[in-house]
Amino acid sequence: MRVLGIETSCDETAAAVVDSGVDDSRHILAERLFSQIDEHAPYGGVVPEIAARSHLDRLDALVAETMAQAGLGFAELDGIAAAAGPGLIGGLLVGATAAKAMAMASGRPFLAINHLEAHALTARLTHGLDFPYLLLLVSGGHTQLLAVEDVGRYRLYGETEDDALGEAFDKAARLLGLGFPGGPAVEKAAEAGDPARFRLPRPLAGRPGAGFSFSGLKTALRRAFEALPAVDERDTADLAASFQAAAADTLADRTANAVTLFRRDCPAGRVLVAAGGVAANRNLQARLQKVAAIHSLDFIAPPQRLCTDNAAMVAWAGLERLRLGMSDGLDFRPRPRWPLASTTDVA
């Protein structure tokens, strides 16, 4: 089974073809990606209109290059998938409309993919992981802990009450003058810093539940920054390291609580997965590995290029749904908001 995937939910224009053989082998046959970082960097964040126009300008060529790289024609595909939410509505419309047109012209099924589900299922593409598993989804727009029980079956244990961790990293980087995107910039600056110099809070740490809050951490970072008479490179590195350490401690604390809930609901589960762009942070991965080891769980994070937004994960989610007999009508409307799961009673 072969599926073409299209990703245009934010500032990455991407296309990929994946396949799954009769022996359950999994392959990324081709993938192409154009990053819009340089286009948005002057603004310190993603500008929706610029993102949508860039997708429109580049998507057709990327799809053609991807199909040529895979050595396939559209008649050799089993389906065409596109990220249809959540995300920036202009970009979603570009990708979904293109995928619908290709599906109609080729007579292939169209699959509208929840971008979060694509992240959630990536570990099955990269590691052949069986259900169920515990997922920490950390990205620019989402921070959630969920049990992944099956395709389309997700049990939400907790999510952020305010900013997602990726947003918090971006705002920290902007405050410290580190550039965009914020996550990699803060991680790089933190390498030379002292994580113990500034006493920043660990929001909600020690409390029951698996929810998150990062507004207090951002405020504390700003106050520490403004309290300095002058900020030099050493100060910037120490602030970045202190912020990153606080974020890692917070993730570790909330994830440990979720492990208890996951064990209750899914006793057969033995794996903790971290996915989403922020999951590529090596410091955060190291802390999560310790949490998993303490609780006798294996830890998996997809390769960095498949943690950030990409089309291979969209194609794989489409393939997973297609082999279960699922597809979507051409009247499907992209959704800027599309929760992966409703909050489950975890009392």
C-alpha atoms as a PDB file:
ATOM      1  CA  MET A   1       0.000   0.000   0.000  1.00  0.00           C
ATOM      2  CA  ARG A   2       1.381   3.392  -1.036  1.00  0.00           C
ATOM      3  CA  VAL A   3       0.142   6.799   0.063  1.00  0.00           C
ATOM      4  CA  LEU A   4       1.155  10.333  -0.867  1.00  0.00           C
ATOM      5  CA  GLY A   5       1.104  12.763   2.047  1.00  0.00           C
ATOM      6  CA  ILE A   6       0.975  16.570   1.995  1.00  0.00           C
ATOM      7  CA  GLU A   7       1.830  18.833   4.943  1.00  0.00           C
ATOM      8  CA  THR A   8       0.999  22.571   4.928  1.00  0.00           C
ATOM      9  CA  SER A   9      -0.413  23.167   8.413  1.00  0.00           C
ATOM     10  CA  CYS A  10       2.108  25.834   9.449  1.00  0.00           C
ATOM     11  CA  ASP A  11       5.402  26.970   7.899  1.00  0.00           C
ATOM     12  CA  GLU A  12       6.719  23.766   6.301  1.00  0.00           C
ATOM     13  CA  THR A  13       5.670  22.837   2.770  1.00  0.00           C
ATOM     14  CA  ALA A  14       6.218  19.103   2.419  1.00  0.00           C
ATOM     15  CA  ALA A  15       5.282  16.025   0.404  1.00  0.00           C
ATOM     16  CA  ALA A  16       6.197  12.373   0.897  1.00  0.00           C
ATOM     17  CA  VAL A  17       5.306   8.867  -0.249  1.00  0.00           C
ATOM     18  CA  VAL A  18       5.329   5.955   2.198  1.00  0.00           C
ATOM     19  CA  ASP A  19       4.498   2.304   1.734  1.00  0.00           C
ATOM     20  CA  SER A  20       3.805  -0.782   3.822  1.00  0.00           C
ATOM     21  CA  GLY A  21       4.483  -4.272   2.482  1.00  0.00           C
ATOM     22  CA  VAL A  22       2.666  -7.541   3.093  1.00  0.00           C
ATOM     23  CA  ASP A  23       5.368  -8.369   5.665  1.00  0.00           C
ATOM     24  CA  ASP A  24       4.467  -5.157   7.566  1.00  0.00           C
ATOM     25  CA  SER A  25       7.658  -3.489   6.360  1.00  0.00           C
ATOM     26  CA  ARG A  26       7.537   0.306   6.347  1.00  0.00           C
ATOM     27  CA  HIS A  27       9.399   2.594   3.947  1.00  0.00           C
ATOM     28  CA  ILE A  28       9.609   6.281   3.143  1.00  0.00           C
ATOM     29  CA  LEU A  29       9.971   6.057  -0.621  1.00  0.00           C
ATOM     30  CA  ALA A  30      10.448   9.782  -1.162  1.00  0.00           C
ATOM     31  CA  GLU A  31      10.151  13.035   0.750  1.00  0.00           C
ATOM     32  CA  ARG A  32      10.645  16.687  -0.038  1.00  0.00           C
ATOM     33  CA  LEU A  33      10.391  19.693   2.281  1.00  0.00           C
ATOM     34  CA  PHE A  34      10.703  23.440   1.950  1.00  0.00           C
ATOM     35  CA  SER A  35      11.187  25.352   5.195  1.00  0.00           C
ATOM     36  CA  GLN A  36       9.876  28.910   5.369  1.00  0.00           C
ATOM     37  CA  ILE A  37      12.075  29.893   8.333  1.00  0.00           C
ATOM     38  CA  ASP A  38      13.916  32.603   6.399  1.00  0.00           C
ATOM     39  CA  GLU A  39      10.624  34.122   5.241  1.00  0.00           C
ATOM     40  CA  HIS A  40       9.265  34.446   8.783  1.00  0.00           C
ATOM     41  CA  ALA A  41      12.476  35.164  10.720  1.00  0.00           C
ATOM     42  CA  PRO A  42      12.256  38.975  10.257  1.00  0.00           C
ATOM     43  CA  TYR A  43       8.912  38.921  12.073  1.00  0.00           C
ATOM     44  CA  GLY A  44       9.995  36.683  14.959  1.00  0.00           C
ATOM     45  CA  GLY A  45       7.206  34.202  14.270  1.00  0.00           C
ATOM     46  CA  VAL A  46       5.011  32.674  11.570  1.00  0.00           C
ATOM     47  CA  VAL A  47       2.900  35.147   9.566  1.00  0.00           C
ATOM     48  CA  PRO A  48      -0.189  33.218   8.361  1.00  0.00           C
ATOM     49  CA  GLU A  49      -0.639  35.073   5.054  1.00  0.00           C
ATOM     50  CA  ILE A  50       3.027  34.700   4.100  1.00  0.00           C
ATOM     51  CA  ALA A  51       2.867  31.000   4.998  1.00  0.00           C
ATOM     52  CA  ALA A  52      -0.228  30.368   2.849  1.00  0.00           C
ATOM     53  CA  ARG A  53       1.232  32.179  -0.181  1.00  0.00           C
ATOM     54  CA  SER A  54       4.490  30.266   0.145  1.00  0.00           C
ATOM     55  CA  HIS A  55       2.629  26.931   0.249  1.00  0.00           C
ATOM     56  CA  LEU A  56       0.668  27.950  -2.841  1.00  0.00           C
ATOM     57  CA  ASP A  57       3.833  28.880  -4.720  1.00  0.00           C
ATOM     58  CA  ARG A  58       5.785  25.708  -3.939  1.00  0.00           C
ATOM     59  CA  LEU A  59       3.459  22.773  -3.317  1.00  0.00           C
ATOM     60  CA  ASP A  60       2.849  21.626  -6.900  1.00  0.00           C
ATOM     61  CA  ALA A  61       6.573  21.472  -7.668  1.00  0.00           C
ATOM     62  CA  LEU A  62       7.314  19.640  -4.407  1.00  0.00           C
ATOM     63  CA  VAL A  63       4.681  17.000  -5.153  1.00  0.00           C
ATOM     64  CA  ALA A  64       6.038  16.520  -8.677  1.00  0.00           C
ATOM     65  CA  GLU A  65       9.592  16.161  -7.326  1.00  0.00           C
ATOM     66  CA  THR A  66       8.417  13.680  -4.684  1.00  0.00           C
ATOM     67  CA  MET A  67       6.564  11.497  -7.166  1.00  0.00           C
ATOM     68  CA  ALA A  68       9.578  11.546  -9.494  1.00  0.00           C
ATOM     69  CA  GLN A  69      11.888  10.595  -6.618  1.00  0.00           C
ATOM     70  CA  ALA A  70       9.575   7.696  -5.735  1.00  0.00           C
ATOM     71  CA  GLY A  71       9.421   6.642  -9.395  1.00  0.00           C
ATOM     72  CA  LEU A  72       5.634   6.435  -9.268  1.00  0.00           C
ATOM     73  CA  GLY A  73       2.649   7.737 -11.143  1.00  0.00           C
ATOM     74  CA  PHE A  74      -0.581   8.676  -9.397  1.00  0.00           C
ATOM     75  CA  ALA A  75      -2.193   5.479 -10.720  1.00  0.00           C
ATOM     76  CA  GLU A  76       0.265   3.517  -8.576  1.00  0.00           C
ATOM     77  CA  LEU A  77      -0.869   5.182  -5.351  1.00  0.00           C
ATOM     78  CA  ASP A  78      -3.525   3.740  -3.066  1.00  0.00           C
ATOM     79  CA  GLY A  79      -4.486   7.065  -1.512  1.00  0.00           C
ATOM     80  CA  ILE A  80      -3.677  10.758  -1.122  1.00  0.00           C
ATOM     81  CA  ALA A  81      -3.546  12.289   2.362  1.00  0.00           C
ATOM     82  CA  ALA A  82      -3.272  15.874   3.519  1.00  0.00           C
ATOM     83  CA  ALA A  83      -3.031  17.517   6.916  1.00  0.00           C
ATOM     84  CA  ALA A  84      -6.485  19.066   7.332  1.00  0.00           C
ATOM     85  CA  GLY A  85      -6.153  20.510  10.840  1.00  0.00           C
ATOM     86  CA  PRO A  86      -5.380  21.797  13.329  1.00  0.00           C
ATOM     87  CA  GLY A  87      -3.236  24.618  12.013  1.00  0.00           C
ATOM     88  CA  LEU A  88      -3.278  27.860  10.065  1.00  0.00           C
ATOM     89  CA  ILE A  89      -6.424  27.757   7.957  1.00  0.00           C
ATOM     90  CA  GLY A  90      -4.852  29.341   4.872  1.00  0.00           C
ATOM     91  CA  GLY A  91      -2.120  26.725   4.674  1.00  0.00           C
ATOM     92  CA  LEU A  92      -4.524  23.886   5.432  1.00  0.00           C
ATOM     93  CA  LEU A  93      -6.779  24.991   2.574  1.00  0.00           C
ATOM     94  CA  VAL A  94      -3.846  25.009   0.148  1.00  0.00           C
ATOM     95  CA  GLY A  95      -2.741  21.475   1.026  1.00  0.00           C
ATOM     96  CA  ALA A  96      -6.172  19.909   1.352  1.00  0.00           C
ATOM     97  CA  THR A  97      -7.481  21.466  -1.857  1.00  0.00           C
ATOM     98  CA  ALA A  98      -4.461  20.256  -3.808  1.00  0.00           C
ATOM     99  CA  ALA A  99      -4.823  16.739  -2.369  1.00  0.00           C
ATOM    100  CA  LYS A 100      -8.535  16.666  -3.225  1.00  0.00           C
ATOM    101  CA  ALA A 101      -7.817  17.721  -6.798  1.00  0.00           C
ATOM    102  CA  MET A 102      -5.184  14.995  -7.160  1.00  0.00           C
ATOM    103  CA  ALA A 103      -7.527  12.416  -5.641  1.00  0.00           C
ATOM    104  CA  MET A 104     -10.364  13.405  -7.954  1.00  0.00           C
ATOM    105  CA  ALA A 105      -8.163  13.390 -11.047  1.00  0.00           C
ATOM    106  CA  SER A 106      -6.572  10.030 -10.241  1.00  0.00           C
ATOM    107  CA  GLY A 107      -9.649   8.313  -8.791  1.00  0.00           C
ATOM    108  CA  ARG A 108      -7.823   7.638  -5.544  1.00  0.00           C
ATOM    109  CA  PRO A 109      -9.255   7.974  -2.000  1.00  0.00           C
ATOM    110  CA  PHE A 110      -8.711  11.252  -0.175  1.00  0.00           C
ATOM    111  CA  LEU A 111      -7.710  11.166   3.487  1.00  0.00           C
ATOM    112  CA  ALA A 112      -8.072  14.221   5.734  1.00  0.00           C
ATOM    113  CA  ILE A 113      -5.460  13.805   8.449  1.00  0.00           C
ATOM    114  CA  ASN A 114      -5.433  15.285  11.912  1.00  0.00           C
ATOM    115  CA  HIS A 115      -1.937  16.762  12.195  1.00  0.00           C
ATOM    116  CA  LEU A 116      -1.750  15.666  15.839  1.00  0.00           C
ATOM    117  CA  GLU A 117      -2.673  12.093  14.933  1.00  0.00           C
ATOM    118  CA  ALA A 118       0.136  12.129  12.384  1.00  0.00           C
ATOM    119  CA  HIS A 119       2.590  13.012  15.171  1.00  0.00           C
ATOM    120  CA  ALA A 120       0.984  10.402  17.436  1.00  0.00           C
ATOM    121  CA  LEU A 121       1.456   7.581  14.913  1.00  0.00           C
ATOM    122  CA  THR A 122       4.977   8.471  13.739  1.00  0.00           C
ATOM    123  CA  ALA A 123       6.619   5.997  16.133  1.00  0.00           C
ATOM    124  CA  ARG A 124       4.719   3.200  14.385  1.00  0.00           C
ATOM    125  CA  LEU A 125       6.333   4.242  11.103  1.00  0.00           C
ATOM    126  CA  THR A 126       9.845   4.557  12.527  1.00  0.00           C
ATOM    127  CA  HIS A 127       9.843   1.736  15.104  1.00  0.00           C
ATOM    128  CA  GLY A 128       6.939  -0.563  14.197  1.00  0.00           C
ATOM    129  CA  LEU A 129       5.491   0.120  17.639  1.00  0.00           C
ATOM    130  CA  ASP A 130       2.432  -1.819  18.800  1.00  0.00           C
ATOM    131  CA  PHE A 131      -0.530  -0.246  20.615  1.00  0.00           C
ATOM    132  CA  PRO A 132      -0.950   0.944  23.313  1.00  0.00           C
ATOM    133  CA  TYR A 133       1.703   3.464  24.299  1.00  0.00           C
ATOM    134  CA  LEU A 134       1.935   6.675  26.303  1.00  0.00           C
ATOM    135  CA  LEU A 135       2.540   9.789  24.203  1.00  0.00           C
ATOM    136  CA  LEU A 136       3.958  13.161  25.198  1.00  0.00           C
ATOM    137  CA  LEU A 137       3.115  15.459  22.291  1.00  0.00           C
ATOM    138  CA  VAL A 138       5.123  18.680  22.509  1.00  0.00           C
ATOM    139  CA  SER A 139       5.037  21.101  19.595  1.00  0.00           C
ATOM    140  CA  GLY A 140       4.679  24.771  18.786  1.00  0.00           C
ATOM    141  CA  GLY A 141       0.929  24.679  19.325  1.00  0.00           C
ATOM    142  CA  HIS A 142       0.301  21.706  21.617  1.00  0.00           C
ATOM    143  CA  THR A 143       1.521  20.114  24.822  1.00  0.00           C
ATOM    144  CA  GLN A 144      -0.442  16.976  25.718  1.00  0.00           C
ATOM    145  CA  LEU A 145      -0.109  13.605  27.415  1.00  0.00           C
ATOM    146  CA  LEU A 146      -2.234  10.846  25.903  1.00  0.00           C
ATOM    147  CA  ALA A 147      -2.661   7.108  25.788  1.00  0.00           C
ATOM    148  CA  VAL A 148      -2.525   6.005  22.145  1.00  0.00           C
ATOM    149  CA  GLU A 149      -4.797   2.957  22.183  1.00  0.00           C
ATOM    150  CA  ASP A 150      -5.386   2.489  18.438  1.00  0.00           C
ATOM    151  CA  VAL A 151      -5.828   4.467  15.250  1.00  0.00           C
ATOM    152  CA  GLY A 152      -8.485   7.037  16.125  1.00  0.00           C
ATOM    153  CA  ARG A 153      -8.533   6.078  19.837  1.00  0.00           C
ATOM    154  CA  TYR A 154      -6.790   8.509  22.169  1.00  0.00           C
ATOM    155  CA  ARG A 155      -7.232   9.049  25.895  1.00  0.00           C
ATOM    156  CA  LEU A 156      -6.198  12.539  26.988  1.00  0.00           C
ATOM    157  CA  TYR A 157      -4.630  12.779  30.450  1.00  0.00           C
ATOM    158  CA  GLY A 158      -3.631  16.410  30.410  1.00  0.00           C
ATOM    159  CA  GLU A 159      -2.769  19.396  28.240  1.00  0.00           C
ATOM    160  CA  THR A 160      -1.520  22.930  28.640  1.00  0.00           C
ATOM    161  CA  GLU A 161      -3.749  25.523  30.268  1.00  0.00           C
ATOM    162  CA  ASP A 162      -2.098  28.375  28.363  1.00  0.00           C
ATOM    163  CA  ASP A 163       0.871  28.394  25.975  1.00  0.00           C
ATOM    164  CA  ALA A 164       2.260  25.228  24.460  1.00  0.00           C
ATOM    165  CA  LEU A 165       5.886  24.556  25.329  1.00  0.00           C
ATOM    166  CA  GLY A 166       6.992  25.357  21.777  1.00  0.00           C
ATOM    167  CA  GLU A 167       5.364  28.785  22.060  1.00  0.00           C
ATOM    168  CA  ALA A 168       7.083  29.320  25.400  1.00  0.00           C
ATOM    169  CA  PHE A 169      10.460  28.485  23.841  1.00  0.00           C
ATOM    170  CA  ASP A 170       9.772  30.935  20.990  1.00  0.00           C
ATOM    171  CA  LYS A 171       8.890  33.720  23.414  1.00  0.00           C
ATOM    172  CA  ALA A 172      11.924  32.967  25.571  1.00  0.00           C
ATOM    173  CA  ALA A 173      14.154  33.146  22.502  1.00  0.00           C
ATOM    174  CA  ARG A 174      12.591  36.454  21.461  1.00  0.00           C
ATOM    175  CA  LEU A 175      13.156  37.910  24.921  1.00  0.00           C
ATOM    176  CA  LEU A 176      16.785  36.793  24.921  1.00  0.00           C
ATOM    177  CA  GLY A 177      17.423  37.943  21.367  1.00  0.00           C
ATOM    178  CA  LEU A 178      18.226  34.448  20.132  1.00  0.00           C
ATOM    179  CA  GLY A 179      16.213  34.469  16.914  1.00  0.00           C
ATOM    180  CA  PHE A 180      13.567  32.214  15.359  1.00  0.00           C
ATOM    181  CA  PRO A 181      12.659  29.369  15.652  1.00  0.00           C
ATOM    182  CA  GLY A 182      13.035  29.554  19.397  1.00  0.00           C
ATOM    183  CA  GLY A 183      13.429  25.914  20.395  1.00  0.00           C
ATOM    184  CA  PRO A 184      16.709  25.181  18.600  1.00  0.00           C
ATOM    185  CA  ALA A 185      18.013  28.670  19.453  1.00  0.00           C
ATOM    186  CA  VAL A 186      17.420  28.243  23.189  1.00  0.00           C
ATOM    187  CA  GLU A 187      18.877  24.730  23.137  1.00  0.00           C
ATOM    188  CA  LYS A 188      22.057  25.958  21.439  1.00  0.00           C
ATOM    189  CA  ALA A 189      22.490  28.908  23.803  1.00  0.00           C
ATOM    190  CA  ALA A 190      21.860  26.675  26.829  1.00  0.00           C
ATOM    191  CA  GLU A 191      24.823  24.448  25.954  1.00  0.00           C
ATOM    192  CA  ALA A 192      27.203  27.078  27.359  1.00  0.00           C
ATOM    193  CA  GLY A 193      25.005  28.060  30.298  1.00  0.00           C
ATOM    194  CA  ASP A 194      24.562  27.259  33.992  1.00  0.00           C
ATOM    195  CA  PRO A 195      21.069  25.796  34.522  1.00  0.00           C
ATOM    196  CA  ALA A 196      21.225  26.419  38.284  1.00  0.00           C
ATOM    197  CA  ARG A 197      22.044  30.132  38.221  1.00  0.00           C
ATOM    198  CA  PHE A 198      18.466  31.440  37.991  1.00  0.00           C
ATOM    199  CA  ARG A 199      15.767  29.932  40.220  1.00  0.00           C
ATOM    200  CA  LEU A 200      12.840  29.607  37.855  1.00  0.00           C
ATOM    201  CA  PRO A 201       9.541  27.920  38.799  1.00  0.00           C
ATOM    202  CA  ARG A 202       8.411  24.453  37.767  1.00  0.00           C
ATOM    203  CA  PRO A 203       4.698  25.151  37.097  1.00  0.00           C
ATOM    204  CA  LEU A 204       2.283  22.613  38.665  1.00  0.00           C
ATOM    205  CA  ALA A 205       5.160  20.340  39.722  1.00  0.00           C
ATOM    206  CA  GLY A 206       4.225  18.142  42.663  1.00  0.00           C
ATOM    207  CA  ARG A 207       0.494  18.533  42.085  1.00  0.00           C
ATOM    208  CA  PRO A 208      -1.893  15.763  40.989  1.00  0.00           C
ATOM    209  CA  GLY A 209      -2.835  15.379  37.350  1.00  0.00           C
ATOM    210  CA  ALA A 210      -0.976  15.636  34.070  1.00  0.00           C
ATOM    211  CA  GLY A 211      -1.815  19.156  32.920  1.00  0.00           C
ATOM    212  CA  PHE A 212       0.690  21.880  32.075  1.00  0.00           C
ATOM    213  CA  SER A 213       1.061  25.632  32.462  1.00  0.00           C
ATOM    214  CA  PHE A 214       3.952  27.711  31.171  1.00  0.00           C
ATOM    215  CA  SER A 215       2.769  31.294  31.669  1.00  0.00           C
ATOM    216  CA  GLY A 216       4.373  31.569  35.114  1.00  0.00           C
ATOM    217  CA  LEU A 217       7.677  30.255  33.798  1.00  0.00           C
ATOM    218  CA  LYS A 218       7.715  32.844  31.010  1.00  0.00           C
ATOM    219  CA  THR A 219       6.921  35.639  33.483  1.00  0.00           C
ATOM    220  CA  ALA A 220       9.685  34.504  35.839  1.00  0.00           C
ATOM    221  CA  LEU A 221      12.181  34.437  32.970  1.00  0.00           C
ATOM    222  CA  ARG A 222      11.243  37.971  31.968  1.00  0.00           C
ATOM    223  CA  ARG A 223      11.629  39.224  35.534  1.00  0.00           C
ATOM    224  CA  ALA A 224      15.034  37.580  35.861  1.00  0.00           C
ATOM    225  CA  PHE A 225      16.078  39.135  32.562  1.00  0.00           C
ATOM    226  CA  GLU A 226      14.850  42.609  33.509  1.00  0.00           C
ATOM    227  CA  ALA A 227      16.517  42.433  36.922  1.00  0.00           C
ATOM    228  CA  LEU A 228      19.971  42.277  35.324  1.00  0.00           C
ATOM    229  CA  PRO A 229      21.711  45.654  34.967  1.00  0.00           C
ATOM    230  CA  ALA A 230      23.098  44.620  31.573  1.00  0.00           C
ATOM    231  CA  VAL A 231      22.773  41.310  29.754  1.00  0.00           C
ATOM    232  CA  ASP A 232      25.919  39.799  28.280  1.00  0.00           C
ATOM    233  CA  GLU A 233      26.525  36.471  26.520  1.00  0.00           C
ATOM    234  CA  ARG A 234      27.062  34.654  29.805  1.00  0.00           C
ATOM    235  CA  ASP A 235      23.776  35.952  31.200  1.00  0.00           C
ATOM    236  CA  THR A 236      21.944  34.928  28.045  1.00  0.00           C
ATOM    237  CA  ALA A 237      23.397  31.410  28.135  1.00  0.00           C
ATOM    238  CA  ASP A 238      22.558  31.002  31.834  1.00  0.00           C
ATOM    239  CA  LEU A 239      18.998  32.274  31.332  1.00  0.00           C
ATOM    240  CA  ALA A 240      18.512  29.894  28.403  1.00  0.00           C
ATOM    241  CA  ALA A 241      19.898  26.954  30.384  1.00  0.00           C
ATOM    242  CA  SER A 242      17.783  27.790  33.430  1.00  0.00           C
ATOM    243  CA  PHE A 243      14.645  28.071  31.307  1.00  0.00           C
ATOM    244  CA  GLN A 244      15.350  24.778  29.541  1.00  0.00           C
ATOM    245  CA  ALA A 245      16.029  23.000  32.843  1.00  0.00           C
ATOM    246  CA  ALA A 246      12.749  24.271  34.289  1.00  0.00           C
ATOM    247  CA  ALA A 247      10.876  23.086  31.200  1.00  0.00           C
ATOM    248  CA  ALA A 248      12.526  19.667  31.408  1.00  0.00           C
ATOM    249  CA  ASP A 249      11.713  19.296  35.113  1.00  0.00           C
ATOM    250  CA  THR A 250       8.105  20.257  34.423  1.00  0.00           C
ATOM    251  CA  LEU A 251       7.739  17.728  31.611  1.00  0.00           C
ATOM    252  CA  ALA A 252       9.319  15.014  33.760  1.00  0.00           C
ATOM    253  CA  ASP A 253       6.989  15.684  36.698  1.00  0.00           C
ATOM    254  CA  ARG A 254       3.775  15.751  34.662  1.00  0.00           C
ATOM    255  CA  THR A 255       4.814  12.745  32.564  1.00  0.00           C
ATOM    256  CA  ALA A 256       5.507  10.694  35.704  1.00  0.00           C
ATOM    257  CA  ASN A 257       1.938  11.382  36.844  1.00  0.00           C
ATOM    258  CA  ALA A 258       0.608  10.327  33.453  1.00  0.00           C
ATOM    259  CA  VAL A 259       2.537   7.049  33.654  1.00  0.00           C
ATOM    260  CA  THR A 260       0.475   6.068  36.714  1.00  0.00           C
ATOM    261  CA  LEU A 261      -2.772   6.799  34.857  1.00  0.00           C
ATOM    262  CA  PHE A 262      -1.548   4.999  31.745  1.00  0.00           C
ATOM    263  CA  ARG A 263      -0.641   1.890  33.723  1.00  0.00           C
ATOM    264  CA  ARG A 264      -4.134   1.839  35.208  1.00  0.00           C
ATOM    265  CA  ASP A 265      -5.875   2.160  31.840  1.00  0.00           C
ATOM    266  CA  CYS A 266      -3.439   0.271  29.605  1.00  0.00           C
ATOM    267  CA  PRO A 267      -1.586  -2.322  31.702  1.00  0.00           C
ATOM    268  CA  ALA A 268      -0.124  -3.896  28.555  1.00  0.00           C
ATOM    269  CA  GLY A 269       1.592  -0.641  27.577  1.00  0.00           C
ATOM    270  CA  ARG A 270       5.381  -0.608  27.932  1.00  0.00           C
ATOM    271  CA  VAL A 271       6.547   2.433  25.954  1.00  0.00           C
ATOM    272  CA  LEU A 272       6.757   6.216  26.424  1.00  0.00           C
ATOM    273  CA  VAL A 273       6.913   8.140  23.141  1.00  0.00           C
ATOM    274  CA  ALA A 274       7.857  11.805  22.716  1.00  0.00           C
ATOM    275  CA  ALA A 275       6.731  13.415  19.452  1.00  0.00           C
ATOM    276  CA  GLY A 276       6.387  16.900  18.004  1.00  0.00           C
ATOM    277  CA  GLY A 277       8.972  19.527  17.201  1.00  0.00           C
ATOM    278  CA  VAL A 278       9.995  20.215  20.805  1.00  0.00           C
ATOM    279  CA  ALA A 279      10.650  16.491  21.294  1.00  0.00           C
ATOM    280  CA  ALA A 280      13.771  16.940  19.157  1.00  0.00           C
ATOM    281  CA  ASN A 281      15.407  18.815  22.076  1.00  0.00           C
ATOM    282  CA  ARG A 282      18.160  16.512  23.380  1.00  0.00           C
ATOM    283  CA  ASN A 283      18.045  17.849  26.943  1.00  0.00           C
ATOM    284  CA  LEU A 284      14.313  17.197  27.188  1.00  0.00           C
ATOM    285  CA  GLN A 285      14.771  13.732  25.692  1.00  0.00           C
ATOM    286  CA  ALA A 286      17.407  12.890  28.298  1.00  0.00           C
ATOM    287  CA  ARG A 287      15.034  13.810  31.139  1.00  0.00           C
ATOM    288  CA  LEU A 288      12.212  11.787  29.621  1.00  0.00           C
ATOM    289  CA  GLN A 289      14.505   8.791  29.207  1.00  0.00           C
ATOM    290  CA  LYS A 290      15.144   8.915  32.963  1.00  0.00           C
ATOM    291  CA  VAL A 291      11.415   9.041  33.686  1.00  0.00           C
ATOM    292  CA  ALA A 292      10.840   6.040  31.448  1.00  0.00           C
ATOM    293  CA  ALA A 293      13.695   4.078  33.056  1.00  0.00           C
ATOM    294  CA  ILE A 294      12.436   4.789  36.592  1.00  0.00           C
ATOM    295  CA  HIS A 295       9.014   3.413  35.624  1.00  0.00           C
ATOM    296  CA  SER A 296      10.377   0.448  33.622  1.00  0.00           C
ATOM    297  CA  LEU A 297       9.193   1.806  30.283  1.00  0.00           C
ATOM    298  CA  ASP A 298      11.059   1.930  27.003  1.00  0.00           C
ATOM    299  CA  PHE A 299      11.548   5.418  25.566  1.00  0.00           C
ATOM    300  CA  ILE A 300      11.180   6.270  21.876  1.00  0.00           C
ATOM    301  CA  ALA A 301      11.544   9.546  20.018  1.00  0.00           C
ATOM    302  CA  PRO A 302      11.393   9.560  16.209  1.00  0.00           C
ATOM    303  CA  PRO A 303      14.416  10.935  14.313  1.00  0.00           C
ATOM    304  CA  GLN A 304      14.657  14.708  14.472  1.00  0.00           C
ATOM    305  CA  ARG A 305      13.415  15.290  10.924  1.00  0.00           C
ATOM    306  CA  LEU A 306      10.280  13.267  11.744  1.00  0.00           C
ATOM    307  CA  CYS A 307       9.677  15.051  15.056  1.00  0.00           C
ATOM    308  CA  THR A 308       9.236  18.400  13.342  1.00  0.00           C
ATOM    309  CA  ASP A 309       6.415  18.904  10.822  1.00  0.00           C
ATOM    310  CA  ASN A 310       6.839  16.629   7.818  1.00  0.00           C
ATOM    311  CA  ALA A 311       4.774  14.884   5.160  1.00  0.00           C
ATOM    312  CA  ALA A 312       5.951  11.334   5.860  1.00  0.00           C
ATOM    313  CA  MET A 313       3.961  11.292   9.094  1.00  0.00           C
ATOM    314  CA  VAL A 314       0.877  12.561   7.236  1.00  0.00           C
ATOM    315  CA  ALA A 315       1.256   9.888   4.582  1.00  0.00           C
ATOM    316  CA  TRP A 316       1.715   7.216   7.255  1.00  0.00           C
ATOM    317  CA  ALA A 317      -1.393   8.302   9.162  1.00  0.00           C
ATOM    318  CA  GLY A 318      -3.264   8.155   5.866  1.00  0.00           C
ATOM    319  CA  LEU A 319      -1.943   4.652   5.213  1.00  0.00           C
ATOM    320  CA  GLU A 320      -2.941   3.508   8.705  1.00  0.00           C
ATOM    321  CA  ARG A 321      -6.473   4.789   8.148  1.00  0.00           C
ATOM    322  CA  LEU A 322      -6.751   3.520   4.593  1.00  0.00           C
ATOM    323  CA  ARG A 323      -5.890  -0.065   5.497  1.00  0.00           C
ATOM    324  CA  LEU A 324      -8.702   0.056   8.078  1.00  0.00           C
ATOM    325  CA  GLY A 325     -11.119   1.033   5.307  1.00  0.00           C
ATOM    326  CA  MET A 326     -11.299   4.706   6.244  1.00  0.00           C
ATOM    327  CA  SER A 327     -11.357   7.625   3.794  1.00  0.00           C
ATOM    328  CA  ASP A 328     -12.938  11.075   3.561  1.00  0.00           C
ATOM    329  CA  GLY A 329     -15.251  12.841   1.155  1.00  0.00           C
ATOM    330  CA  LEU A 330     -14.077  15.661  -1.062  1.00  0.00           C
ATOM    331  CA  ASP A 331     -16.430  17.954   0.854  1.00  0.00           C
ATOM    332  CA  PHE A 332     -14.300  17.661   4.019  1.00  0.00           C
ATOM    333  CA  ARG A 333     -13.532  21.114   5.388  1.00  0.00           C
ATOM    334  CA  PRO A 334     -10.129  21.819   6.945  1.00  0.00           C
ATOM    335  CA  ARG A 335     -10.312  22.737  10.623  1.00  0.00           C
ATOM    336  CA  PRO A 336      -8.069  25.297  12.347  1.00  0.00           C
ATOM    337  CA  ARG A 337      -9.026  23.592  15.628  1.00  0.00           C
ATOM    338  CA  TRP A 338      -9.315  19.805  15.729  1.00  0.00           C
ATOM    339  CA  PRO A 339      -8.758  18.193  19.159  1.00  0.00           C
ATOM    340  CA  LEU A 340      -7.212  14.743  19.039  1.00  0.00           C
ATOM    341  CA  ALA A 341      -9.164  13.568  22.066  1.00  0.00           C
ATOM    342  CA  SER A 342     -11.625  14.955  24.535  1.00  0.00           C
ATOM    343  CA  THR A 343     -10.536  15.070  28.160  1.00  0.00           C
ATOM    344  CA  THR A 344     -11.021  11.700  29.819  1.00  0.00           C
ATOM    345  CA  ASP A 345     -12.156  11.355  33.419  1.00  0.00           C
ATOM    346  CA  VAL A 346      -8.955  10.335  35.143  1.00  0.00           C
ATOM    347  CA  ALA A 347     -10.129  10.643  38.741  1.00  0.00           C
END
